[in-house]
Amino acid sequence: MIRRAEISTSDGYYFTNQFQNRDAFVGYETIGQEVVQQFPENDAFCGAVGTTGLVMEVARVLKAKRPETHISVLEPASSPTITQGRSGTHHVEGIWDRDYPASSRSAALG
């Protein structure tokens, strides 16, 4: 925590504090509402996951409007936490919620 605070005050770095910053979820919810507004009959949503915050909040909004919406997530093959239950070396905390996605895949670049 101390090291994170030191790094985040350096030029070129910014700490979002996403686990304590409610504004992050407000922004994600807004994105979900925009998807619903632009695609009201949307059948599916696929999002790439890092910490999964964006995908989980967009999924929550979409499922609230259309419970039958299929949610699928894509994760890096180097860290198949969701698809294989093992993590890689990315060192990023997540907020995954298994209740939303109906499917998941891992993918590698190249």
N, C-alpha and C. Protein backbone atom coordinates (compact mmCIF):
# COMPACT_ATOMS: atom_id res chain seq x y z
N MET A 1 0.83 -1.19 0.00
CA MET A 1 0.00 0.00 0.00
C MET A 1 0.88 1.26 0.00
N ILE A 2 1.93 1.24 0.77
CA ILE A 2 2.80 2.41 0.84
C ILE A 2 3.49 2.60 -0.51
N ARG A 3 3.99 1.52 -1.08
CA ARG A 3 4.66 1.60 -2.39
C ARG A 3 3.70 2.10 -3.46
N ARG A 4 2.46 1.62 -3.43
CA ARG A 4 1.46 2.07 -4.40
C ARG A 4 1.25 3.58 -4.27
N ALA A 5 1.16 4.07 -3.05
CA ALA A 5 0.98 5.50 -2.82
C ALA A 5 2.16 6.29 -3.36
N GLU A 6 3.37 5.78 -3.17
CA GLU A 6 4.56 6.45 -3.68
C GLU A 6 4.56 6.51 -5.21
N ILE A 7 4.29 5.38 -5.83
CA ILE A 7 4.29 5.31 -7.30
C ILE A 7 3.21 6.20 -7.88
N SER A 8 2.02 6.20 -7.29
CA SER A 8 0.90 6.94 -7.87
C SER A 8 1.08 8.45 -7.81
N THR A 9 2.00 8.93 -7.00
CA THR A 9 2.25 10.37 -6.96
C THR A 9 3.34 10.79 -7.95
N SER A 10 3.97 9.83 -8.60
CA SER A 10 5.02 10.12 -9.58
C SER A 10 4.41 10.56 -10.90
N ASP A 11 5.16 11.36 -11.64
CA ASP A 11 4.71 11.77 -12.97
C ASP A 11 4.50 10.54 -13.85
N GLY A 12 3.42 10.55 -14.62
CA GLY A 12 3.13 9.45 -15.53
C GLY A 12 2.34 8.32 -14.92
N TYR A 13 1.98 8.43 -13.65
CA TYR A 13 1.21 7.38 -12.98
C TYR A 13 -0.06 7.95 -12.38
N TYR A 14 -1.09 7.13 -12.33
CA TYR A 14 -2.35 7.53 -11.72
C TYR A 14 -2.97 6.30 -11.08
N PHE A 15 -3.42 6.43 -9.86
CA PHE A 15 -4.05 5.32 -9.15
C PHE A 15 -5.55 5.58 -9.09
N THR A 16 -6.33 4.69 -9.69
CA THR A 16 -7.79 4.89 -9.73
C THR A 16 -8.48 4.49 -8.44
N ASN A 17 -7.84 3.68 -7.64
CA ASN A 17 -8.42 3.20 -6.38
C ASN A 17 -9.82 2.63 -6.63
N GLN A 18 -9.94 1.79 -7.64
CA GLN A 18 -11.24 1.33 -8.10
C GLN A 18 -12.04 0.56 -7.06
N PHE A 19 -11.38 -0.04 -6.08
CA PHE A 19 -12.13 -0.81 -5.09
C PHE A 19 -12.73 0.09 -4.01
N GLN A 20 -12.26 1.31 -3.91
CA GLN A 20 -12.79 2.26 -2.93
C GLN A 20 -13.48 3.45 -3.60
N ASN A 21 -13.39 3.55 -4.91
CA ASN A 21 -13.89 4.70 -5.65
C ASN A 21 -15.25 4.37 -6.28
N ARG A 22 -16.32 4.80 -5.66
CA ARG A 22 -17.67 4.53 -6.16
C ARG A 22 -17.90 5.15 -7.54
N ASP A 23 -17.18 6.23 -7.85
CA ASP A 23 -17.34 6.88 -9.15
C ASP A 23 -17.01 5.95 -10.31
N ALA A 24 -16.11 5.01 -10.09
CA ALA A 24 -15.79 4.05 -11.15
C ALA A 24 -17.03 3.26 -11.54
N PHE A 25 -17.79 2.80 -10.55
CA PHE A 25 -18.98 2.02 -10.84
C PHE A 25 -20.10 2.87 -11.44
N VAL A 26 -20.17 4.12 -11.06
CA VAL A 26 -21.15 5.03 -11.67
C VAL A 26 -20.84 5.16 -13.16
N GLY A 27 -19.57 5.29 -13.50
CA GLY A 27 -19.17 5.38 -14.90
C GLY A 27 -19.48 4.10 -15.67
N TYR A 28 -19.22 2.96 -15.05
CA TYR A 28 -19.52 1.68 -15.70
C TYR A 28 -21.02 1.51 -15.90
N GLU A 29 -21.80 1.93 -14.91
CA GLU A 29 -23.26 1.84 -15.03
C GLU A 29 -23.75 2.71 -16.18
N THR A 30 -23.16 3.89 -16.32
CA THR A 30 -23.52 4.79 -17.42
C THR A 30 -23.24 4.13 -18.76
N ILE A 31 -22.12 3.45 -18.88
CA ILE A 31 -21.80 2.74 -20.12
C ILE A 31 -22.85 1.67 -20.39
N GLY A 32 -23.25 0.94 -19.36
CA GLY A 32 -24.31 -0.07 -19.51
C GLY A 32 -25.61 0.54 -20.00
N GLN A 33 -25.96 1.69 -19.44
CA GLN A 33 -27.19 2.38 -19.86
C GLN A 33 -27.08 2.85 -21.31
N GLU A 34 -25.90 3.29 -21.71
CA GLU A 34 -25.70 3.71 -23.10
C GLU A 34 -25.84 2.53 -24.06
N VAL A 35 -25.33 1.37 -23.66
CA VAL A 35 -25.48 0.17 -24.50
C VAL A 35 -26.96 -0.16 -24.66
N VAL A 36 -27.71 -0.13 -23.57
CA VAL A 36 -29.15 -0.41 -23.62
C VAL A 36 -29.86 0.61 -24.51
N GLN A 37 -29.49 1.87 -24.39
CA GLN A 37 -30.13 2.92 -25.17
C GLN A 37 -29.83 2.76 -26.67
N GLN A 38 -28.60 2.43 -27.01
CA GLN A 38 -28.21 2.32 -28.41
C GLN A 38 -28.61 0.99 -29.04
N PHE A 39 -28.73 -0.04 -28.22
CA PHE A 39 -29.08 -1.38 -28.71
C PHE A 39 -30.17 -1.98 -27.82
N PRO A 40 -31.38 -1.45 -27.87
CA PRO A 40 -32.43 -1.88 -26.93
C PRO A 40 -32.82 -3.35 -27.04
N GLU A 41 -32.62 -3.96 -28.18
CA GLU A 41 -32.96 -5.38 -28.35
C GLU A 41 -31.72 -6.26 -28.35
N ASN A 42 -30.67 -5.80 -27.69
CA ASN A 42 -29.41 -6.51 -27.65
C ASN A 42 -29.58 -7.91 -27.06
N ASP A 43 -29.08 -8.93 -27.76
CA ASP A 43 -29.18 -10.32 -27.31
C ASP A 43 -27.96 -10.78 -26.52
N ALA A 44 -26.80 -10.14 -26.78
CA ALA A 44 -25.57 -10.61 -26.16
C ALA A 44 -24.59 -9.46 -25.94
N PHE A 45 -23.71 -9.66 -24.99
CA PHE A 45 -22.64 -8.70 -24.71
C PHE A 45 -21.38 -9.49 -24.40
N CYS A 46 -20.28 -9.12 -25.05
CA CYS A 46 -18.99 -9.76 -24.79
C CYS A 46 -18.01 -8.68 -24.38
N GLY A 47 -17.33 -8.88 -23.29
CA GLY A 47 -16.36 -7.91 -22.83
C GLY A 47 -15.07 -8.59 -22.42
N ALA A 48 -13.96 -7.91 -22.65
CA ALA A 48 -12.66 -8.40 -22.20
C ALA A 48 -12.50 -8.05 -20.73
N VAL A 49 -11.94 -8.98 -19.97
CA VAL A 49 -11.81 -8.74 -18.54
C VAL A 49 -10.37 -8.46 -18.15
N GLY A 50 -10.23 -7.53 -17.24
CA GLY A 50 -8.97 -7.26 -16.56
C GLY A 50 -9.28 -7.47 -15.09
N THR A 51 -9.82 -6.45 -14.47
CA THR A 51 -10.30 -6.59 -13.09
C THR A 51 -11.78 -6.94 -13.08
N THR A 52 -12.42 -6.93 -14.20
CA THR A 52 -13.82 -7.28 -14.49
C THR A 52 -14.84 -6.24 -14.05
N GLY A 53 -14.42 -5.12 -13.51
CA GLY A 53 -15.37 -4.11 -13.04
C GLY A 53 -16.31 -3.62 -14.12
N LEU A 54 -15.78 -3.23 -15.26
CA LEU A 54 -16.60 -2.73 -16.36
C LEU A 54 -17.58 -3.79 -16.84
N VAL A 55 -17.09 -4.99 -17.11
CA VAL A 55 -17.96 -6.05 -17.62
C VAL A 55 -19.06 -6.39 -16.62
N MET A 56 -18.72 -6.48 -15.34
CA MET A 56 -19.72 -6.86 -14.33
C MET A 56 -20.82 -5.80 -14.21
N GLU A 57 -20.46 -4.53 -14.24
CA GLU A 57 -21.47 -3.49 -14.09
C GLU A 57 -22.32 -3.36 -15.34
N VAL A 58 -21.71 -3.44 -16.52
CA VAL A 58 -22.49 -3.41 -17.77
C VAL A 58 -23.43 -4.62 -17.80
N ALA A 59 -22.94 -5.78 -17.40
CA ALA A 59 -23.78 -6.98 -17.37
C ALA A 59 -24.96 -6.81 -16.42
N ARG A 60 -24.71 -6.20 -15.27
CA ARG A 60 -25.79 -5.98 -14.30
C ARG A 60 -26.90 -5.12 -14.91
N VAL A 61 -26.51 -4.05 -15.60
CA VAL A 61 -27.49 -3.15 -16.23
C VAL A 61 -28.24 -3.88 -17.34
N LEU A 62 -27.51 -4.59 -18.20
CA LEU A 62 -28.15 -5.30 -19.30
C LEU A 62 -29.11 -6.37 -18.80
N LYS A 63 -28.71 -7.13 -17.79
CA LYS A 63 -29.56 -8.19 -17.25
C LYS A 63 -30.80 -7.61 -16.56
N ALA A 64 -30.67 -6.43 -15.98
CA ALA A 64 -31.83 -5.79 -15.34
C ALA A 64 -32.87 -5.40 -16.39
N LYS A 65 -32.42 -4.99 -17.56
CA LYS A 65 -33.33 -4.59 -18.64
C LYS A 65 -33.85 -5.79 -19.43
N ARG A 66 -32.98 -6.74 -19.70
CA ARG A 66 -33.34 -7.94 -20.48
C ARG A 66 -32.64 -9.14 -19.86
N PRO A 67 -33.29 -9.83 -18.94
CA PRO A 67 -32.65 -10.95 -18.24
C PRO A 67 -32.11 -12.05 -19.16
N GLU A 68 -32.66 -12.17 -20.34
CA GLU A 68 -32.21 -13.22 -21.26
C GLU A 68 -30.93 -12.84 -22.01
N THR A 69 -30.40 -11.65 -21.83
CA THR A 69 -29.17 -11.23 -22.50
C THR A 69 -28.03 -12.18 -22.14
N HIS A 70 -27.35 -12.68 -23.16
CA HIS A 70 -26.21 -13.59 -22.98
C HIS A 70 -24.97 -12.75 -22.71
N ILE A 71 -24.31 -12.99 -21.61
CA ILE A 71 -23.08 -12.27 -21.27
C ILE A 71 -21.92 -13.24 -21.42
N SER A 72 -20.90 -12.83 -22.17
CA SER A 72 -19.71 -13.65 -22.36
C SER A 72 -18.49 -12.80 -22.07
N VAL A 73 -17.48 -13.40 -21.47
CA VAL A 73 -16.25 -12.66 -21.16
C VAL A 73 -15.06 -13.31 -21.84
N LEU A 74 -14.07 -12.50 -22.12
CA LEU A 74 -12.85 -12.94 -22.76
C LEU A 74 -11.69 -12.57 -21.84
N GLU A 75 -10.85 -13.53 -21.51
CA GLU A 75 -9.73 -13.26 -20.62
C GLU A 75 -8.42 -13.66 -21.30
N PRO A 76 -7.29 -13.13 -20.85
CA PRO A 76 -6.01 -13.49 -21.45
C PRO A 76 -5.67 -14.96 -21.19
N ALA A 77 -5.17 -15.64 -22.20
CA ALA A 77 -4.76 -17.04 -22.04
C ALA A 77 -3.63 -17.17 -21.03
N SER A 78 -2.85 -16.10 -20.85
CA SER A 78 -1.74 -16.14 -19.90
C SER A 78 -2.20 -16.11 -18.45
N SER A 79 -3.47 -15.81 -18.23
CA SER A 79 -4.03 -15.78 -16.88
C SER A 79 -5.47 -16.26 -16.91
N PRO A 80 -5.69 -17.56 -17.14
CA PRO A 80 -7.05 -18.09 -17.30
C PRO A 80 -7.76 -18.36 -15.96
N THR A 81 -7.91 -17.33 -15.18
CA THR A 81 -8.51 -17.46 -13.85
C THR A 81 -9.95 -17.93 -13.92
N ILE A 82 -10.71 -17.40 -14.85
CA ILE A 82 -12.14 -17.73 -14.96
C ILE A 82 -12.33 -19.09 -15.62
N THR A 83 -11.62 -19.31 -16.73
CA THR A 83 -11.85 -20.53 -17.51
C THR A 83 -11.15 -21.76 -16.95
N GLN A 84 -10.01 -21.55 -16.26
CA GLN A 84 -9.25 -22.70 -15.77
C GLN A 84 -8.95 -22.66 -14.27
N GLY A 85 -9.33 -21.57 -13.61
CA GLY A 85 -9.13 -21.48 -12.17
C GLY A 85 -7.70 -21.25 -11.73
N ARG A 86 -6.85 -20.77 -12.63
CA ARG A 86 -5.47 -20.46 -12.24
C ARG A 86 -5.10 -19.08 -12.77
N SER A 87 -4.29 -18.39 -12.02
CA SER A 87 -3.91 -17.03 -12.43
C SER A 87 -2.53 -17.03 -13.05
N GLY A 88 -2.30 -15.98 -13.81
CA GLY A 88 -1.00 -15.79 -14.44
C GLY A 88 -0.21 -14.76 -13.66
N THR A 89 0.62 -14.02 -14.35
CA THR A 89 1.54 -13.10 -13.68
C THR A 89 1.16 -11.64 -13.82
N HIS A 90 -0.11 -11.35 -14.06
CA HIS A 90 -0.49 -9.96 -14.29
C HIS A 90 -0.55 -9.13 -13.01
N HIS A 91 -0.75 -9.74 -11.85
CA HIS A 91 -0.79 -9.06 -10.55
C HIS A 91 -1.88 -8.00 -10.46
N VAL A 92 -3.02 -8.26 -11.05
CA VAL A 92 -4.15 -7.33 -10.99
C VAL A 92 -5.27 -7.97 -10.19
N GLU A 93 -5.76 -7.26 -9.17
CA GLU A 93 -6.88 -7.77 -8.40
C GLU A 93 -8.15 -7.65 -9.21
N GLY A 94 -9.11 -8.49 -8.94
CA GLY A 94 -10.36 -8.45 -9.69
C GLY A 94 -11.59 -8.46 -8.80
N ILE A 95 -12.75 -8.25 -9.43
CA ILE A 95 -14.02 -8.26 -8.71
C ILE A 95 -15.02 -9.12 -9.45
N TRP A 96 -14.59 -10.25 -9.91
CA TRP A 96 -15.39 -11.18 -10.72
C TRP A 96 -16.65 -11.62 -9.98
N ASP A 97 -17.75 -11.70 -10.70
CA ASP A 97 -19.02 -12.20 -10.16
C ASP A 97 -19.55 -13.27 -11.12
N ARG A 98 -19.52 -14.52 -10.72
CA ARG A 98 -19.92 -15.63 -11.59
C ARG A 98 -21.40 -15.64 -11.94
N ASP A 99 -22.21 -14.81 -11.31
CA ASP A 99 -23.65 -14.82 -11.57
C ASP A 99 -24.03 -14.24 -12.93
N TYR A 100 -23.18 -13.42 -13.55
CA TYR A 100 -23.58 -12.74 -14.77
C TYR A 100 -23.18 -13.44 -16.07
N PRO A 101 -21.91 -13.75 -16.29
CA PRO A 101 -21.55 -14.33 -17.59
C PRO A 101 -22.11 -15.72 -17.80
N ALA A 102 -22.56 -15.96 -19.02
CA ALA A 102 -23.06 -17.28 -19.40
C ALA A 102 -21.94 -18.11 -20.02
N SER A 103 -20.91 -17.44 -20.51
CA SER A 103 -19.79 -18.17 -21.10
C SER A 103 -18.52 -17.35 -20.95
N SER A 104 -17.40 -18.02 -21.08
CA SER A 104 -16.11 -17.35 -20.99
C SER A 104 -15.11 -18.09 -21.86
N ARG A 105 -14.11 -17.37 -22.35
CA ARG A 105 -13.07 -17.93 -23.20
C ARG A 105 -11.75 -17.27 -22.82
N SER A 106 -10.66 -17.97 -23.08
CA SER A 106 -9.35 -17.35 -22.93
C SER A 106 -8.78 -17.18 -24.33
N ALA A 107 -7.95 -16.18 -24.49
CA ALA A 107 -7.41 -15.88 -25.82
C ALA A 107 -5.96 -15.44 -25.69
N ALA A 108 -5.17 -15.77 -26.70
CA ALA A 108 -3.78 -15.38 -26.75
C ALA A 108 -3.56 -14.51 -27.98
N LEU A 109 -2.66 -13.55 -27.86
CA LEU A 109 -2.30 -12.72 -29.01
C LEU A 109 -1.33 -13.47 -29.89
N GLY A 110 -1.45 -13.21 -31.19
CA GLY A 110 -0.47 -13.77 -32.10
C GLY A 110 -0.83 -15.04 -32.76
